[in-house]
Amino acid sequence: MSAYQFKRDVISRHNHEHDPEGVRDRRARVFVRHLYDAAAVNECWAFDQHDKWRRFGLYLHVGLEAYSGRVMWLKIWWTNRNPRLVCSYL
């Protein structure tokens, strides 16, 4: 799998042309929270990575079950750039 790399000004130009309202909202730091429904247990899982302990060389990976709020896993790892680590949770 290959990754594409684009310069920042190319992305900025694209966003200004195709999503001017989104650019304006992000500049004003206006974020709209959205509600969602999970009809049953294990219908929706949420994954996240936190860099709060980056200065210590540690990264927090967490998976939550959205309906019940149950923590499916919480792992501390030494990197957040290893896709094999993230995919191993699935």
PDB file of N, CA and C in Angstrom:
ATOM      1  N   MET A   1       0.846  -1.167   0.000  1.00  0.00           N
ATOM      2  CA  MET A   1       0.000   0.000   0.000  1.00  0.00           C
ATOM      3  C   MET A   1       0.893   1.233   0.000  1.00  0.00           C
ATOM      4  N   SER A   2       0.642   2.159  -0.894  1.00  0.00           N
ATOM      5  CA  SER A   2       1.457   3.363  -0.963  1.00  0.00           C
ATOM      6  C   SER A   2       0.671   4.551  -0.420  1.00  0.00           C
ATOM      7  N   ALA A   3       1.391   5.487   0.154  1.00  0.00           N
ATOM      8  CA  ALA A   3       0.768   6.684   0.714  1.00  0.00           C
ATOM      9  C   ALA A   3       1.009   7.860  -0.216  1.00  0.00           C
ATOM     10  N   TYR A   4       0.005   8.694  -0.318  1.00  0.00           N
ATOM     11  CA  TYR A   4       0.135   9.907  -1.112  1.00  0.00           C
ATOM     12  C   TYR A   4       0.574  11.040  -0.203  1.00  0.00           C
ATOM     13  N   GLN A   5       1.430  11.895  -0.734  1.00  0.00           N
ATOM     14  CA  GLN A   5       1.866  13.061   0.027  1.00  0.00           C
ATOM     15  C   GLN A   5       1.544  14.308  -0.780  1.00  0.00           C
ATOM     16  N   PHE A   6       0.899  15.269  -0.119  1.00  0.00           N
ATOM     17  CA  PHE A   6       0.537  16.524  -0.755  1.00  0.00           C
ATOM     18  C   PHE A   6       1.075  17.667   0.082  1.00  0.00           C
ATOM     19  N   LYS A   7       1.420  18.748  -0.575  1.00  0.00           N
ATOM     20  CA  LYS A   7       1.885  19.924   0.149  1.00  0.00           C
ATOM     21  C   LYS A   7       0.703  20.582   0.850  1.00  0.00           C
ATOM     22  N   ARG A   8       1.008  21.267   1.925  1.00  0.00           N
ATOM     23  CA  ARG A   8      -0.024  21.896   2.740  1.00  0.00           C
ATOM     24  C   ARG A   8      -0.850  22.903   1.944  1.00  0.00           C
ATOM     25  N   ASP A   9      -0.204  23.676   1.067  1.00  0.00           N
ATOM     26  CA  ASP A   9      -0.948  24.691   0.315  1.00  0.00           C
ATOM     27  C   ASP A   9      -1.921  24.057  -0.683  1.00  0.00           C
ATOM     28  N   VAL A  10      -1.605  22.882  -1.205  1.00  0.00           N
ATOM     29  CA  VAL A  10      -2.522  22.188  -2.118  1.00  0.00           C
ATOM     30  C   VAL A  10      -3.785  21.768  -1.364  1.00  0.00           C
ATOM     31  N   ILE A  11      -3.610  21.204  -0.178  1.00  0.00           N
ATOM     32  CA  ILE A  11      -4.751  20.801   0.643  1.00  0.00           C
ATOM     33  C   ILE A  11      -5.565  22.025   1.047  1.00  0.00           C
ATOM     34  N   SER A  12      -4.886  23.086   1.438  1.00  0.00           N
ATOM     35  CA  SER A  12      -5.572  24.311   1.842  1.00  0.00           C
ATOM     36  C   SER A  12      -6.401  24.886   0.700  1.00  0.00           C
ATOM     37  N   ARG A  13      -5.818  24.932  -0.487  1.00  0.00           N
ATOM     38  CA  ARG A  13      -6.540  25.442  -1.655  1.00  0.00           C
ATOM     39  C   ARG A  13      -7.776  24.591  -1.949  1.00  0.00           C
ATOM     40  N   HIS A  14      -7.599  23.283  -1.897  1.00  0.00           N
ATOM     41  CA  HIS A  14      -8.720  22.367  -2.137  1.00  0.00           C
ATOM     42  C   HIS A  14      -9.837  22.600  -1.126  1.00  0.00           C
ATOM     43  N   ASN A  15      -9.483  22.711   0.148  1.00  0.00           N
ATOM     44  CA  ASN A  15     -10.498  22.931   1.174  1.00  0.00           C
ATOM     45  C   ASN A  15     -11.211  24.264   0.990  1.00  0.00           C
ATOM     46  N   HIS A  16     -10.467  25.307   0.632  1.00  0.00           N
ATOM     47  CA  HIS A  16     -11.080  26.617   0.409  1.00  0.00           C
ATOM     48  C   HIS A  16     -12.041  26.579  -0.773  1.00  0.00           C
ATOM     49  N   GLU A  17     -11.720  25.828  -1.794  1.00  0.00           N
ATOM     50  CA  GLU A  17     -12.582  25.749  -2.979  1.00  0.00           C
ATOM     51  C   GLU A  17     -13.810  24.876  -2.745  1.00  0.00           C
ATOM     52  N   HIS A  18     -13.642  23.745  -2.072  1.00  0.00           N
ATOM     53  CA  HIS A  18     -14.716  22.761  -1.974  1.00  0.00           C
ATOM     54  C   HIS A  18     -15.479  22.776  -0.653  1.00  0.00           C
ATOM     55  N   ASP A  19     -14.918  23.380   0.383  1.00  0.00           N
ATOM     56  CA  ASP A  19     -15.597  23.411   1.683  1.00  0.00           C
ATOM     57  C   ASP A  19     -15.314  24.726   2.410  1.00  0.00           C
ATOM     58  N   PRO A  20     -15.725  25.871   1.841  1.00  0.00           N
ATOM     59  CA  PRO A  20     -15.419  27.153   2.482  1.00  0.00           C
ATOM     60  C   PRO A  20     -16.088  27.311   3.851  1.00  0.00           C
ATOM     61  N   GLU A  21     -17.291  26.741   4.020  1.00  0.00           N
ATOM     62  CA  GLU A  21     -17.963  26.843   5.324  1.00  0.00           C
ATOM     63  C   GLU A  21     -17.194  26.071   6.392  1.00  0.00           C
ATOM     64  N   GLY A  22     -16.706  24.902   6.025  1.00  0.00           N
ATOM     65  CA  GLY A  22     -15.922  24.108   6.968  1.00  0.00           C
ATOM     66  C   GLY A  22     -14.631  24.797   7.365  1.00  0.00           C
ATOM     67  N   VAL A  23     -13.974  25.441   6.401  1.00  0.00           N
ATOM     68  CA  VAL A  23     -12.745  26.185   6.697  1.00  0.00           C
ATOM     69  C   VAL A  23     -13.058  27.322   7.658  1.00  0.00           C
ATOM     70  N   ARG A  24     -14.156  28.036   7.391  1.00  0.00           N
ATOM     71  CA  ARG A  24     -14.546  29.154   8.250  1.00  0.00           C
ATOM     72  C   ARG A  24     -14.843  28.664   9.668  1.00  0.00           C
ATOM     73  N   ASP A  25     -15.572  27.564   9.779  1.00  0.00           N
ATOM     74  CA  ASP A  25     -15.906  27.037  11.105  1.00  0.00           C
ATOM     75  C   ASP A  25     -14.672  26.557  11.857  1.00  0.00           C
ATOM     76  N   ARG A  26     -13.754  25.893  11.148  1.00  0.00           N
ATOM     77  CA  ARG A  26     -12.532  25.424  11.817  1.00  0.00           C
ATOM     78  C   ARG A  26     -11.670  26.597  12.267  1.00  0.00           C
ATOM     79  N   ARG A  27     -11.625  27.653  11.468  1.00  0.00           N
ATOM     80  CA  ARG A  27     -10.864  28.842  11.877  1.00  0.00           C
ATOM     81  C   ARG A  27     -11.465  29.491  13.108  1.00  0.00           C
ATOM     82  N   ALA A  28     -12.793  29.524  13.160  1.00  0.00           N
ATOM     83  CA  ALA A  28     -13.485  30.128  14.300  1.00  0.00           C
ATOM     84  C   ALA A  28     -13.574  29.163  15.479  1.00  0.00           C
ATOM     85  N   ARG A  29     -13.057  27.960  15.287  1.00  0.00           N
ATOM     86  CA  ARG A  29     -13.109  26.905  16.304  1.00  0.00           C
ATOM     87  C   ARG A  29     -14.546  26.610  16.733  1.00  0.00           C
ATOM     88  N   VAL A  30     -15.445  26.573  15.753  1.00  0.00           N
ATOM     89  CA  VAL A  30     -16.843  26.231  15.980  1.00  0.00           C
ATOM     90  C   VAL A  30     -17.021  24.770  15.597  1.00  0.00           C
ATOM     91  N   PHE A  31     -17.233  23.938  16.588  1.00  0.00           N
ATOM     92  CA  PHE A  31     -17.423  22.520  16.333  1.00  0.00           C
ATOM     93  C   PHE A  31     -18.830  22.130  16.758  1.00  0.00           C
ATOM     94  N   VAL A  32     -19.523  21.449  15.892  1.00  0.00           N
ATOM     95  CA  VAL A  32     -20.881  21.007  16.181  1.00  0.00           C
ATOM     96  C   VAL A  32     -20.823  19.545  16.585  1.00  0.00           C
ATOM     97  N   ARG A  33     -21.340  19.263  17.754  1.00  0.00           N
ATOM     98  CA  ARG A  33     -21.392  17.879  18.202  1.00  0.00           C
ATOM     99  C   ARG A  33     -22.642  17.232  17.621  1.00  0.00           C
ATOM    100  N   HIS A  34     -22.498  15.998  17.188  1.00  0.00           N
ATOM    101  CA  HIS A  34     -23.609  15.271  16.602  1.00  0.00           C
ATOM    102  C   HIS A  34     -23.974  14.096  17.496  1.00  0.00           C
ATOM    103  N   LEU A  35     -25.244  13.811  17.570  1.00  0.00           N
ATOM    104  CA  LEU A  35     -25.721  12.648  18.306  1.00  0.00           C
ATOM    105  C   LEU A  35     -25.851  11.474  17.351  1.00  0.00           C
ATOM    106  N   TYR A  36     -25.701  10.299  17.859  1.00  0.00           N
ATOM    107  CA  TYR A  36     -25.881   9.102  17.051  1.00  0.00           C
ATOM    108  C   TYR A  36     -26.612   8.067  17.898  1.00  0.00           C
ATOM    109  N   ASP A  37     -27.189   7.128  17.232  1.00  0.00           N
ATOM    110  CA  ASP A  37     -27.911   6.063  17.921  1.00  0.00           C
ATOM    111  C   ASP A  37     -27.232   4.730  17.663  1.00  0.00           C
ATOM    112  N   ALA A  38     -27.106   3.961  18.706  1.00  0.00           N
ATOM    113  CA  ALA A  38     -26.653   2.578  18.581  1.00  0.00           C
ATOM    114  C   ALA A  38     -27.812   1.723  19.080  1.00  0.00           C
ATOM    115  N   ALA A  39     -28.394   0.952  18.207  1.00  0.00           N
ATOM    116  CA  ALA A  39     -29.613   0.210  18.529  1.00  0.00           C
ATOM    117  C   ALA A  39     -29.383  -0.931  19.511  1.00  0.00           C
ATOM    118  N   ALA A  40     -28.184  -1.476  19.523  1.00  0.00           N
ATOM    119  CA  ALA A  40     -27.939  -2.632  20.384  1.00  0.00           C
ATOM    120  C   ALA A  40     -26.460  -2.708  20.748  1.00  0.00           C
ATOM    121  N   VAL A  41     -26.172  -3.589  21.671  1.00  0.00           N
ATOM    122  CA  VAL A  41     -24.792  -3.812  22.086  1.00  0.00           C
ATOM    123  C   VAL A  41     -23.990  -4.358  20.908  1.00  0.00           C
ATOM    124  N   ASN A  42     -22.759  -3.926  20.784  1.00  0.00           N
ATOM    125  CA  ASN A  42     -21.813  -4.342  19.742  1.00  0.00           C
ATOM    126  C   ASN A  42     -22.218  -3.912  18.332  1.00  0.00           C
ATOM    127  N   GLU A  43     -23.139  -2.978  18.206  1.00  0.00           N
ATOM    128  CA  GLU A  43     -23.476  -2.460  16.883  1.00  0.00           C
ATOM    129  C   GLU A  43     -22.491  -1.371  16.458  1.00  0.00           C
ATOM    130  N   CYS A  44     -21.952  -0.653  17.418  1.00  0.00           N
ATOM    131  CA  CYS A  44     -21.050   0.450  17.095  1.00  0.00           C
ATOM    132  C   CYS A  44     -19.892   0.466  18.093  1.00  0.00           C
ATOM    133  N   TRP A  45     -18.687   0.410  17.578  1.00  0.00           N
ATOM    134  CA  TRP A  45     -17.496   0.531  18.404  1.00  0.00           C
ATOM    135  C   TRP A  45     -16.772   1.812  18.030  1.00  0.00           C
ATOM    136  N   ALA A  46     -16.166   2.438  19.000  1.00  0.00           N
ATOM    137  CA  ALA A  46     -15.389   3.653  18.762  1.00  0.00           C
ATOM    138  C   ALA A  46     -13.937   3.368  19.124  1.00  0.00           C
ATOM    139  N   PHE A  47     -13.024   3.791  18.251  1.00  0.00           N
ATOM    140  CA  PHE A  47     -11.590   3.593  18.461  1.00  0.00           C
ATOM    141  C   PHE A  47     -10.932   4.955  18.571  1.00  0.00           C
ATOM    142  N   ASP A  48      -9.935   5.054  19.410  1.00  0.00           N
ATOM    143  CA  ASP A  48      -9.243   6.331  19.533  1.00  0.00           C
ATOM    144  C   ASP A  48      -7.811   6.089  19.989  1.00  0.00           C
ATOM    145  N   GLN A  49      -6.957   7.048  19.654  1.00  0.00           N
ATOM    146  CA  GLN A  49      -5.568   7.041  20.100  1.00  0.00           C
ATOM    147  C   GLN A  49      -5.293   8.391  20.739  1.00  0.00           C
ATOM    148  N   HIS A  50      -4.647   8.371  21.866  1.00  0.00           N
ATOM    149  CA  HIS A  50      -4.338   9.609  22.570  1.00  0.00           C
ATOM    150  C   HIS A  50      -2.826   9.780  22.652  1.00  0.00           C
ATOM    151  N   ASP A  51      -2.390  11.008  22.449  1.00  0.00           N
ATOM    152  CA  ASP A  51      -0.966  11.335  22.508  1.00  0.00           C
ATOM    153  C   ASP A  51      -0.620  12.093  23.788  1.00  0.00           C
ATOM    154  N   LYS A  52      -1.444  11.968  24.802  1.00  0.00           N
ATOM    155  CA  LYS A  52      -1.253  12.751  26.020  1.00  0.00           C
ATOM    156  C   LYS A  52       0.051  12.429  26.739  1.00  0.00           C
ATOM    157  N   TRP A  53       0.527  11.216  26.606  1.00  0.00           N
ATOM    158  CA  TRP A  53       1.758  10.810  27.279  1.00  0.00           C
ATOM    159  C   TRP A  53       2.931  10.771  26.318  1.00  0.00           C
ATOM    160  N   ARG A  54       2.835  11.515  25.250  1.00  0.00           N
ATOM    161  CA  ARG A  54       3.876  11.509  24.210  1.00  0.00           C
ATOM    162  C   ARG A  54       5.247  11.888  24.773  1.00  0.00           C
ATOM    163  N   ARG A  55       5.257  12.841  25.672  1.00  0.00           N
ATOM    164  CA  ARG A  55       6.554  13.286  26.219  1.00  0.00           C
ATOM    165  C   ARG A  55       7.268  12.176  26.989  1.00  0.00           C
ATOM    166  N   PHE A  56       6.512  11.171  27.408  1.00  0.00           N
ATOM    167  CA  PHE A  56       7.103  10.014  28.080  1.00  0.00           C
ATOM    168  C   PHE A  56       7.364   8.861  27.119  1.00  0.00           C
ATOM    169  N   GLY A  57       7.009   9.062  25.834  1.00  0.00           N
ATOM    170  CA  GLY A  57       7.197   8.015  24.839  1.00  0.00           C
ATOM    171  C   GLY A  57       6.126   6.941  24.877  1.00  0.00           C
ATOM    172  N   LEU A  58       4.935   7.284  25.391  1.00  0.00           N
ATOM    173  CA  LEU A  58       3.838   6.332  25.508  1.00  0.00           C
ATOM    174  C   LEU A  58       2.596   6.859  24.804  1.00  0.00           C
ATOM    175  N   TYR A  59       1.830   5.950  24.199  1.00  0.00           N
ATOM    176  CA  TYR A  59       0.607   6.311  23.491  1.00  0.00           C
ATOM    177  C   TYR A  59      -0.518   5.405  23.955  1.00  0.00           C
ATOM    178  N   LEU A  60      -1.681   5.966  24.154  1.00  0.00           N
ATOM    179  CA  LEU A  60      -2.835   5.243  24.659  1.00  0.00           C
ATOM    180  C   LEU A  60      -3.758   4.882  23.501  1.00  0.00           C
ATOM    181  N   HIS A  61      -4.105   3.616  23.375  1.00  0.00           N
ATOM    182  CA  HIS A  61      -5.042   3.121  22.366  1.00  0.00           C
ATOM    183  C   HIS A  61      -6.252   2.566  23.113  1.00  0.00           C
ATOM    184  N   VAL A  62      -7.450   2.990  22.714  1.00  0.00           N
ATOM    185  CA  VAL A  62      -8.654   2.562  23.423  1.00  0.00           C
ATOM    186  C   VAL A  62      -9.759   2.216  22.429  1.00  0.00           C
ATOM    187  N   GLY A  63     -10.540   1.212  22.768  1.00  0.00           N
ATOM    188  CA  GLY A  63     -11.718   0.825  21.995  1.00  0.00           C
ATOM    189  C   GLY A  63     -12.916   0.772  22.929  1.00  0.00           C
ATOM    190  N   LEU A  64     -13.995   1.462  22.565  1.00  0.00           N
ATOM    191  CA  LEU A  64     -15.194   1.525  23.392  1.00  0.00           C
ATOM    192  C   LEU A  64     -16.382   0.946  22.648  1.00  0.00           C
ATOM    193  N   GLU A  65     -17.264   0.296  23.375  1.00  0.00           N
ATOM    194  CA  GLU A  65     -18.534  -0.142  22.817  1.00  0.00           C
ATOM    195  C   GLU A  65     -19.511   0.993  23.098  1.00  0.00           C
ATOM    196  N   ALA A  66     -20.080   1.590  22.046  1.00  0.00           N
ATOM    197  CA  ALA A  66     -20.817   2.851  22.173  1.00  0.00           C
ATOM    198  C   ALA A  66     -22.135   2.718  22.935  1.00  0.00           C
ATOM    199  N   TYR A  67     -22.835   1.632  22.805  1.00  0.00           N
ATOM    200  CA  TYR A  67     -24.154   1.486  23.432  1.00  0.00           C
ATOM    201  C   TYR A  67     -24.044   1.464  24.956  1.00  0.00           C
ATOM    202  N   SER A  68     -23.160   0.658  25.464  1.00  0.00           N
ATOM    203  CA  SER A  68     -23.023   0.513  26.915  1.00  0.00           C
ATOM    204  C   SER A  68     -21.912   1.385  27.496  1.00  0.00           C
ATOM    205  N   GLY A  69     -21.007   1.852  26.644  1.00  0.00           N
ATOM    206  CA  GLY A  69     -19.867   2.619  27.127  1.00  0.00           C
ATOM    207  C   GLY A  69     -18.754   1.741  27.676  1.00  0.00           C
ATOM    208  N   ARG A  70     -18.855   0.447  27.470  1.00  0.00           N
ATOM    209  CA  ARG A  70     -17.861  -0.502  27.984  1.00  0.00           C
ATOM    210  C   ARG A  70     -16.522  -0.331  27.272  1.00  0.00           C
ATOM    211  N   VAL A  71     -15.462  -0.352  28.032  1.00  0.00           N
ATOM    212  CA  VAL A  71     -14.119  -0.296  27.465  1.00  0.00           C
ATOM    213  C   VAL A  71     -13.767  -1.696  26.976  1.00  0.00           C
ATOM    214  N   MET A  72     -13.614  -1.837  25.665  1.00  0.00           N
ATOM    215  CA  MET A  72     -13.286  -3.133  25.079  1.00  0.00           C
ATOM    216  C   MET A  72     -11.806  -3.447  25.287  1.00  0.00           C
ATOM    217  N   TRP A  73     -10.970  -2.450  25.115  1.00  0.00           N
ATOM    218  CA  TRP A  73      -9.555  -2.592  25.415  1.00  0.00           C
ATOM    219  C   TRP A  73      -8.958  -1.230  25.684  1.00  0.00           C
ATOM    220  N   LEU A  74      -7.893  -1.230  26.420  1.00  0.00           N
ATOM    221  CA  LEU A  74      -7.117  -0.037  26.701  1.00  0.00           C
ATOM    222  C   LEU A  74      -5.665  -0.495  26.758  1.00  0.00           C
ATOM    223  N   LYS A  75      -4.887  -0.062  25.799  1.00  0.00           N
ATOM    224  CA  LYS A  75      -3.498  -0.507  25.723  1.00  0.00           C
ATOM    225  C   LYS A  75      -2.580   0.698  25.648  1.00  0.00           C
ATOM    226  N   ILE A  76      -1.467   0.581  26.292  1.00  0.00           N
ATOM    227  CA  ILE A  76      -0.435   1.604  26.207  1.00  0.00           C
ATOM    228  C   ILE A  76       0.681   1.031  25.362  1.00  0.00           C
ATOM    229  N   TRP A  77       1.111   1.808  24.375  1.00  0.00           N
ATOM    230  CA  TRP A  77       2.092   1.335  23.411  1.00  0.00           C
ATOM    231  C   TRP A  77       3.162   2.388  23.232  1.00  0.00           C
ATOM    232  N   TRP A  78       4.259   2.011  22.631  1.00  0.00           N
ATOM    233  CA  TRP A  78       5.378   2.929  22.452  1.00  0.00           C
ATOM    234  C   TRP A  78       5.305   3.691  21.139  1.00  0.00           C
ATOM    235  N   THR A  79       4.317   3.412  20.303  1.00  0.00           N
ATOM    236  CA  THR A  79       4.164   4.141  19.044  1.00  0.00           C
ATOM    237  C   THR A  79       2.684   4.232  18.684  1.00  0.00           C
ATOM    238  N   ASN A  80       2.317   5.251  17.903  1.00  0.00           N
ATOM    239  CA  ASN A  80       0.953   5.332  17.382  1.00  0.00           C
ATOM    240  C   ASN A  80       0.959   5.258  15.861  1.00  0.00           C
ATOM    241  N   ARG A  81       2.058   4.823  15.281  1.00  0.00           N
ATOM    242  CA  ARG A  81       2.185   4.769  13.828  1.00  0.00           C
ATOM    243  C   ARG A  81       2.332   3.345  13.292  1.00  0.00           C
ATOM    244  N   ASN A  82       1.922   2.389  14.049  1.00  0.00           N
ATOM    245  CA  ASN A  82       2.043   1.001  13.626  1.00  0.00           C
ATOM    246  C   ASN A  82       0.656   0.457  13.271  1.00  0.00           C
ATOM    247  N   PRO A  83       0.306   0.379  11.981  1.00  0.00           N
ATOM    248  CA  PRO A  83      -1.034  -0.095  11.612  1.00  0.00           C
ATOM    249  C   PRO A  83      -1.292  -1.542  12.020  1.00  0.00           C
ATOM    250  N   ARG A  84      -0.251  -2.355  12.122  1.00  0.00           N
ATOM    251  CA  ARG A  84      -0.451  -3.739  12.563  1.00  0.00           C
ATOM    252  C   ARG A  84      -0.983  -3.784  13.988  1.00  0.00           C
ATOM    253  N   LEU A  85      -0.548  -2.850  14.817  1.00  0.00           N
ATOM    254  CA  LEU A  85      -1.027  -2.795  16.189  1.00  0.00           C
ATOM    255  C   LEU A  85      -2.516  -2.480  16.212  1.00  0.00           C
ATOM    256  N   VAL A  86      -2.925  -1.461  15.493  1.00  0.00           N
ATOM    257  CA  VAL A  86      -4.326  -1.050  15.483  1.00  0.00           C
ATOM    258  C   VAL A  86      -5.199  -2.138  14.873  1.00  0.00           C
ATOM    259  N   CYS A  87      -4.770  -2.730  13.777  1.00  0.00           N
ATOM    260  CA  CYS A  87      -5.556  -3.780  13.117  1.00  0.00           C
ATOM    261  C   CYS A  87      -5.625  -5.052  13.951  1.00  0.00           C
ATOM    262  N   SER A  88      -4.685  -5.253  14.852  1.00  0.00           N
ATOM    263  CA  SER A  88      -4.711  -6.466  15.669  1.00  0.00           C
ATOM    264  C   SER A  88      -5.879  -6.460  16.647  1.00  0.00           C
ATOM    265  N   TYR A  89      -6.452  -5.287  16.924  1.00  0.00           N
ATOM    266  CA  TYR A  89      -7.576  -5.212  17.849  1.00  0.00           C
ATOM    267  C   TYR A  89      -8.871  -5.678  17.203  1.00  0.00           C
ATOM    268  N   LEU A  90      -8.941  -5.649  15.884  1.00  0.00           N
ATOM    269  CA  LEU A  90     -10.218  -5.934  15.207  1.00  0.00           C
ATOM    270  C   LEU A  90     -10.493  -7.395  15.090  1.00  0.00           C
TER     271      LEU A  90
END
